């Protein structure tokens, strides 16, 4: 039986840190037939406000091992009404910065919890 790690709800940012261990594995399982190597870009986790909540954001450089494709990945995590939420943004490493400002940030600005 596979064990599940439940993240405790609450405003404490430490309660959301476990998601940064789980989310890259979810990303890996979505990339069927390829594995990846990730490296944290900055050691600091920053806060970003989205949909009325404070989200933790970490940035990674990712290399798909079979194709040697270089990606950039941003993982955002929060708790809302006692449940954990994750947003994973991925793009080609060479275009992530421009796509983040032209596509991802407008999308995140429009995000709302119902």
N, C-alpha and C. Protein backbone atom coordinates (compact mmCIF):
# COMPACT_ATOMS: atom_id res chain seq x y z
N UNK A 1 0.84 -1.17 0.00
CA UNK A 1 0.00 0.00 0.00
C UNK A 1 0.89 1.23 0.00
N UNK A 2 0.54 2.18 -0.82
CA UNK A 2 1.31 3.41 -0.94
C UNK A 2 0.86 4.39 0.14
N UNK A 3 1.82 5.00 0.82
CA UNK A 3 1.45 5.96 1.86
C UNK A 3 1.27 7.33 1.23
N UNK A 4 0.35 8.07 1.79
CA UNK A 4 0.09 9.43 1.33
C UNK A 4 0.48 10.39 2.42
N UNK A 5 1.09 11.47 2.02
CA UNK A 5 1.48 12.50 2.97
C UNK A 5 0.44 13.59 2.91
N UNK A 6 -0.25 13.82 4.00
CA UNK A 6 -1.28 14.85 4.05
C UNK A 6 -0.68 16.14 4.57
N UNK A 7 -0.89 17.21 3.83
CA UNK A 7 -0.38 18.51 4.24
C UNK A 7 -1.38 19.18 5.17
N UNK A 8 -0.89 19.64 6.30
CA UNK A 8 -1.78 20.26 7.27
C UNK A 8 -2.21 21.64 6.79
N UNK A 9 -3.52 21.94 6.85
CA UNK A 9 -3.97 23.26 6.45
C UNK A 9 -3.53 24.31 7.45
N UNK A 10 -3.45 25.53 6.98
CA UNK A 10 -3.13 26.61 7.89
C UNK A 10 -2.28 27.66 7.21
N UNK A 11 -2.15 28.80 7.83
CA UNK A 11 -1.39 29.90 7.23
C UNK A 11 0.11 29.68 7.29
N UNK A 12 0.55 28.71 8.08
CA UNK A 12 1.98 28.46 8.25
C UNK A 12 2.59 27.95 6.96
N UNK A 13 3.57 28.66 6.44
CA UNK A 13 4.16 28.27 5.16
C UNK A 13 4.85 26.93 5.26
N UNK A 14 5.34 26.54 6.41
CA UNK A 14 6.00 25.25 6.55
C UNK A 14 5.05 24.10 6.25
N UNK A 15 3.75 24.30 6.48
CA UNK A 15 2.77 23.24 6.21
C UNK A 15 2.62 22.99 4.72
N UNK A 16 3.04 23.93 3.88
CA UNK A 16 2.93 23.78 2.43
C UNK A 16 4.21 23.31 1.79
N UNK A 17 5.30 23.25 2.53
CA UNK A 17 6.60 22.94 1.93
C UNK A 17 6.66 21.52 1.39
N UNK A 18 5.95 20.59 1.97
CA UNK A 18 5.97 19.21 1.49
C UNK A 18 5.52 19.07 0.05
N UNK A 19 4.73 19.99 -0.42
CA UNK A 19 4.23 19.92 -1.79
C UNK A 19 5.37 20.04 -2.80
N UNK A 20 6.46 20.69 -2.43
CA UNK A 20 7.58 20.83 -3.34
C UNK A 20 8.34 19.52 -3.51
N UNK A 21 8.05 18.55 -2.64
CA UNK A 21 8.60 17.21 -2.81
C UNK A 21 7.66 16.37 -3.68
N UNK A 22 6.36 16.57 -3.52
CA UNK A 22 5.36 15.77 -4.22
C UNK A 22 5.11 16.24 -5.65
N UNK A 23 5.03 17.53 -5.87
CA UNK A 23 4.67 18.07 -7.19
C UNK A 23 5.65 17.66 -8.30
N UNK A 24 6.96 17.69 -8.08
CA UNK A 24 7.84 17.25 -9.16
C UNK A 24 7.63 15.78 -9.53
N UNK A 25 7.27 14.95 -8.55
CA UNK A 25 6.98 13.54 -8.87
C UNK A 25 5.72 13.43 -9.72
N UNK A 26 4.73 14.28 -9.45
CA UNK A 26 3.52 14.30 -10.27
C UNK A 26 3.86 14.73 -11.69
N UNK A 27 4.73 15.72 -11.81
CA UNK A 27 5.19 16.17 -13.12
C UNK A 27 5.90 15.03 -13.84
N UNK A 28 6.73 14.30 -13.12
CA UNK A 28 7.47 13.19 -13.71
C UNK A 28 6.54 12.11 -14.22
N UNK A 29 5.51 11.77 -13.46
CA UNK A 29 4.59 10.72 -13.89
C UNK A 29 3.77 11.17 -15.09
N UNK A 30 3.59 12.49 -15.26
CA UNK A 30 2.87 13.00 -16.42
C UNK A 30 3.72 12.93 -17.68
N UNK A 31 5.04 12.91 -17.52
CA UNK A 31 5.95 12.82 -18.66
C UNK A 31 6.23 11.34 -18.92
N UNK A 32 5.24 10.63 -19.41
CA UNK A 32 5.33 9.19 -19.62
C UNK A 32 6.47 8.86 -20.57
N UNK A 33 7.28 7.89 -20.19
CA UNK A 33 8.37 7.44 -21.04
C UNK A 33 9.63 8.27 -20.92
N UNK A 34 9.68 9.21 -20.02
CA UNK A 34 10.88 10.00 -19.84
C UNK A 34 11.02 10.33 -18.36
N UNK A 35 12.23 10.43 -17.91
CA UNK A 35 12.47 10.88 -16.55
C UNK A 35 13.18 12.22 -16.66
N UNK A 36 13.39 12.86 -15.52
CA UNK A 36 13.99 14.18 -15.58
C UNK A 36 14.90 14.43 -14.40
N UNK A 37 15.77 15.39 -14.59
CA UNK A 37 16.65 15.86 -13.53
C UNK A 37 16.24 17.31 -13.27
N UNK A 38 16.00 17.65 -12.02
CA UNK A 38 15.61 19.02 -11.72
C UNK A 38 16.62 19.62 -10.76
N UNK A 39 16.81 20.91 -10.88
CA UNK A 39 17.67 21.61 -9.93
C UNK A 39 16.98 22.91 -9.54
N UNK A 40 16.94 23.14 -8.24
CA UNK A 40 16.33 24.36 -7.71
C UNK A 40 17.18 25.55 -8.11
N UNK A 41 16.53 26.56 -8.67
CA UNK A 41 17.27 27.73 -9.15
C UNK A 41 17.67 28.64 -8.00
N UNK A 42 16.75 28.99 -7.16
CA UNK A 42 17.04 29.85 -6.01
C UNK A 42 16.67 29.08 -4.75
N UNK A 43 17.48 29.21 -3.74
CA UNK A 43 17.20 28.48 -2.51
C UNK A 43 16.02 29.06 -1.75
N UNK A 44 15.67 30.30 -2.05
CA UNK A 44 14.55 30.93 -1.36
C UNK A 44 13.23 30.62 -2.05
N UNK A 45 12.22 30.40 -1.25
CA UNK A 45 10.87 30.26 -1.75
C UNK A 45 10.22 31.62 -1.63
N UNK A 46 9.60 32.07 -2.70
CA UNK A 46 8.96 33.39 -2.64
C UNK A 46 7.45 33.23 -2.54
N UNK A 47 6.79 34.28 -2.09
CA UNK A 47 5.34 34.29 -1.96
C UNK A 47 4.74 35.08 -3.11
N UNK A 48 3.65 34.53 -3.67
CA UNK A 48 2.93 35.20 -4.75
C UNK A 48 1.45 35.14 -4.41
N UNK A 49 0.75 36.26 -4.54
CA UNK A 49 -0.67 36.31 -4.22
C UNK A 49 -1.50 36.02 -5.46
N UNK A 50 -2.32 34.96 -5.38
CA UNK A 50 -3.15 34.52 -6.49
C UNK A 50 -4.52 34.15 -5.93
N UNK A 51 -5.57 34.66 -6.53
CA UNK A 51 -6.93 34.28 -6.14
C UNK A 51 -7.26 34.53 -4.68
N UNK A 52 -6.68 35.55 -4.11
CA UNK A 52 -6.98 35.88 -2.72
C UNK A 52 -6.20 35.08 -1.69
N UNK A 53 -5.26 34.27 -2.12
CA UNK A 53 -4.44 33.46 -1.21
C UNK A 53 -2.97 33.74 -1.46
N UNK A 54 -2.16 33.52 -0.43
CA UNK A 54 -0.71 33.60 -0.58
C UNK A 54 -0.21 32.22 -0.99
N UNK A 55 0.48 32.14 -2.11
CA UNK A 55 1.03 30.90 -2.64
C UNK A 55 2.54 30.94 -2.48
N UNK A 56 3.15 29.78 -2.20
CA UNK A 56 4.59 29.65 -2.21
C UNK A 56 5.02 29.27 -3.62
N UNK A 57 6.12 29.85 -4.10
CA UNK A 57 6.59 29.57 -5.46
C UNK A 57 8.07 29.23 -5.43
N UNK A 58 8.42 28.12 -6.09
CA UNK A 58 9.81 27.74 -6.28
C UNK A 58 10.05 27.52 -7.77
N UNK A 59 11.26 27.88 -8.22
CA UNK A 59 11.63 27.79 -9.63
C UNK A 59 12.67 26.68 -9.82
N UNK A 60 12.55 25.92 -10.89
CA UNK A 60 13.46 24.82 -11.18
C UNK A 60 13.88 24.85 -12.64
N UNK A 61 15.11 24.42 -12.89
CA UNK A 61 15.53 24.06 -14.24
C UNK A 61 15.38 22.55 -14.33
N UNK A 62 14.84 22.09 -15.44
CA UNK A 62 14.54 20.67 -15.62
C UNK A 62 15.16 20.20 -16.93
N UNK A 63 15.79 19.04 -16.89
CA UNK A 63 16.31 18.43 -18.11
C UNK A 63 15.68 17.05 -18.26
N UNK A 64 14.97 16.82 -19.38
CA UNK A 64 14.41 15.50 -19.66
C UNK A 64 15.58 14.62 -20.10
N UNK A 65 15.76 13.51 -19.40
CA UNK A 65 16.98 12.73 -19.58
C UNK A 65 17.07 12.03 -20.93
N UNK A 66 15.99 11.57 -21.50
CA UNK A 66 16.05 10.85 -22.78
C UNK A 66 16.25 11.78 -23.96
N UNK A 67 15.59 12.93 -23.94
CA UNK A 67 15.64 13.84 -25.09
C UNK A 67 16.59 15.01 -24.87
N UNK A 68 17.10 15.16 -23.65
CA UNK A 68 17.97 16.28 -23.28
C UNK A 68 17.29 17.63 -23.51
N UNK A 69 15.98 17.64 -23.40
CA UNK A 69 15.20 18.87 -23.52
C UNK A 69 15.32 19.67 -22.23
N UNK A 70 15.58 20.97 -22.35
CA UNK A 70 15.72 21.84 -21.18
C UNK A 70 14.43 22.63 -20.99
N UNK A 71 13.83 22.45 -19.82
CA UNK A 71 12.60 23.14 -19.46
C UNK A 71 12.83 23.99 -18.22
N UNK A 72 11.91 24.89 -18.00
CA UNK A 72 11.87 25.64 -16.75
C UNK A 72 10.52 25.31 -16.11
N UNK A 73 10.52 25.11 -14.79
CA UNK A 73 9.31 24.74 -14.09
C UNK A 73 9.16 25.64 -12.86
N UNK A 74 7.97 26.19 -12.69
CA UNK A 74 7.63 26.93 -11.48
C UNK A 74 6.51 26.15 -10.79
N UNK A 75 6.70 25.88 -9.51
CA UNK A 75 5.69 25.16 -8.73
C UNK A 75 5.13 26.13 -7.70
N UNK A 76 3.82 26.28 -7.69
CA UNK A 76 3.13 27.15 -6.74
C UNK A 76 2.23 26.27 -5.87
N UNK A 77 2.18 26.55 -4.57
CA UNK A 77 1.38 25.75 -3.65
C UNK A 77 0.72 26.63 -2.61
N UNK A 78 -0.52 26.25 -2.24
CA UNK A 78 -1.24 26.96 -1.18
C UNK A 78 -2.25 26.04 -0.54
N UNK A 79 -2.87 26.54 0.52
CA UNK A 79 -4.03 25.90 1.14
C UNK A 79 -5.19 26.88 1.04
N UNK A 80 -6.35 26.35 0.72
CA UNK A 80 -7.57 27.16 0.68
C UNK A 80 -8.68 26.32 1.28
N UNK A 81 -9.30 26.83 2.33
CA UNK A 81 -10.41 26.15 3.02
C UNK A 81 -10.03 24.72 3.40
N UNK A 82 -8.80 24.55 3.90
CA UNK A 82 -8.37 23.26 4.42
C UNK A 82 -7.89 22.26 3.39
N UNK A 83 -7.77 22.66 2.12
CA UNK A 83 -7.29 21.75 1.08
C UNK A 83 -6.05 22.33 0.42
N UNK A 84 -5.14 21.45 0.02
CA UNK A 84 -3.93 21.88 -0.66
C UNK A 84 -4.13 21.97 -2.16
N UNK A 85 -3.52 22.97 -2.78
CA UNK A 85 -3.60 23.17 -4.23
C UNK A 85 -2.21 23.42 -4.79
N UNK A 86 -1.98 22.92 -5.99
CA UNK A 86 -0.69 23.07 -6.66
C UNK A 86 -0.93 23.52 -8.09
N UNK A 87 -0.13 24.47 -8.55
CA UNK A 87 -0.10 24.87 -9.95
C UNK A 87 1.33 24.65 -10.42
N UNK A 88 1.50 23.92 -11.53
CA UNK A 88 2.82 23.70 -12.10
C UNK A 88 2.86 24.36 -13.47
N UNK A 89 3.78 25.30 -13.62
CA UNK A 89 3.97 25.99 -14.90
C UNK A 89 5.25 25.44 -15.53
N UNK A 90 5.16 24.97 -16.77
CA UNK A 90 6.35 24.47 -17.46
C UNK A 90 6.41 25.05 -18.86
N UNK A 91 7.61 25.28 -19.32
CA UNK A 91 7.82 25.81 -20.66
C UNK A 91 9.27 25.54 -21.05
N UNK A 92 9.56 25.71 -22.30
CA UNK A 92 10.94 25.62 -22.77
C UNK A 92 11.76 26.64 -21.98
N UNK A 93 12.94 26.24 -21.55
CA UNK A 93 13.76 27.12 -20.71
C UNK A 93 14.08 28.45 -21.39
N UNK A 94 14.25 28.43 -22.70
CA UNK A 94 14.64 29.65 -23.40
C UNK A 94 13.50 30.66 -23.53
N UNK A 95 12.26 30.23 -23.37
CA UNK A 95 11.12 31.14 -23.54
C UNK A 95 10.28 31.33 -22.28
N UNK A 96 10.68 30.69 -21.17
CA UNK A 96 9.86 30.76 -19.97
C UNK A 96 9.63 32.18 -19.49
N UNK A 97 10.68 32.98 -19.41
CA UNK A 97 10.54 34.34 -18.86
C UNK A 97 9.53 35.17 -19.66
N UNK A 98 9.62 35.14 -20.98
CA UNK A 98 8.68 35.93 -21.78
C UNK A 98 7.28 35.34 -21.73
N UNK A 99 7.17 34.01 -21.73
CA UNK A 99 5.85 33.38 -21.64
C UNK A 99 5.24 33.56 -20.26
N UNK A 100 6.09 33.65 -19.23
CA UNK A 100 5.58 33.88 -17.89
C UNK A 100 4.87 35.23 -17.82
N UNK A 101 5.49 36.26 -18.38
CA UNK A 101 4.86 37.58 -18.32
C UNK A 101 3.71 37.73 -19.31
N UNK A 102 3.79 37.08 -20.48
CA UNK A 102 2.72 37.27 -21.47
C UNK A 102 1.56 36.30 -21.33
N UNK A 103 1.79 35.12 -20.74
CA UNK A 103 0.74 34.10 -20.66
C UNK A 103 0.44 33.66 -19.24
N UNK A 104 1.46 33.19 -18.51
CA UNK A 104 1.22 32.62 -17.19
C UNK A 104 0.71 33.65 -16.19
N UNK A 105 1.35 34.80 -16.09
CA UNK A 105 0.92 35.79 -15.11
C UNK A 105 -0.51 36.30 -15.36
N UNK A 106 -0.90 36.61 -16.63
CA UNK A 106 -2.31 36.98 -16.85
C UNK A 106 -3.28 35.85 -16.46
N UNK A 107 -2.88 34.61 -16.71
CA UNK A 107 -3.71 33.47 -16.33
C UNK A 107 -3.84 33.41 -14.81
N UNK A 108 -2.73 33.56 -14.10
CA UNK A 108 -2.76 33.50 -12.64
C UNK A 108 -3.54 34.68 -12.05
N UNK A 109 -3.47 35.85 -12.68
CA UNK A 109 -4.22 37.01 -12.23
C UNK A 109 -5.71 36.78 -12.31
N UNK A 110 -6.14 36.00 -13.29
CA UNK A 110 -7.57 35.73 -13.48
C UNK A 110 -8.07 34.57 -12.62
N UNK A 111 -7.17 33.84 -11.97
CA UNK A 111 -7.55 32.67 -11.18
C UNK A 111 -8.34 33.09 -9.94
N UNK A 112 -9.45 32.38 -9.68
CA UNK A 112 -10.26 32.60 -8.48
C UNK A 112 -10.74 31.26 -7.94
N UNK A 113 -10.78 31.15 -6.61
CA UNK A 113 -11.43 30.01 -5.98
C UNK A 113 -12.91 30.27 -5.96
N UNK A 114 -13.72 29.24 -6.17
CA UNK A 114 -15.18 29.39 -6.10
C UNK A 114 -15.68 28.99 -4.74
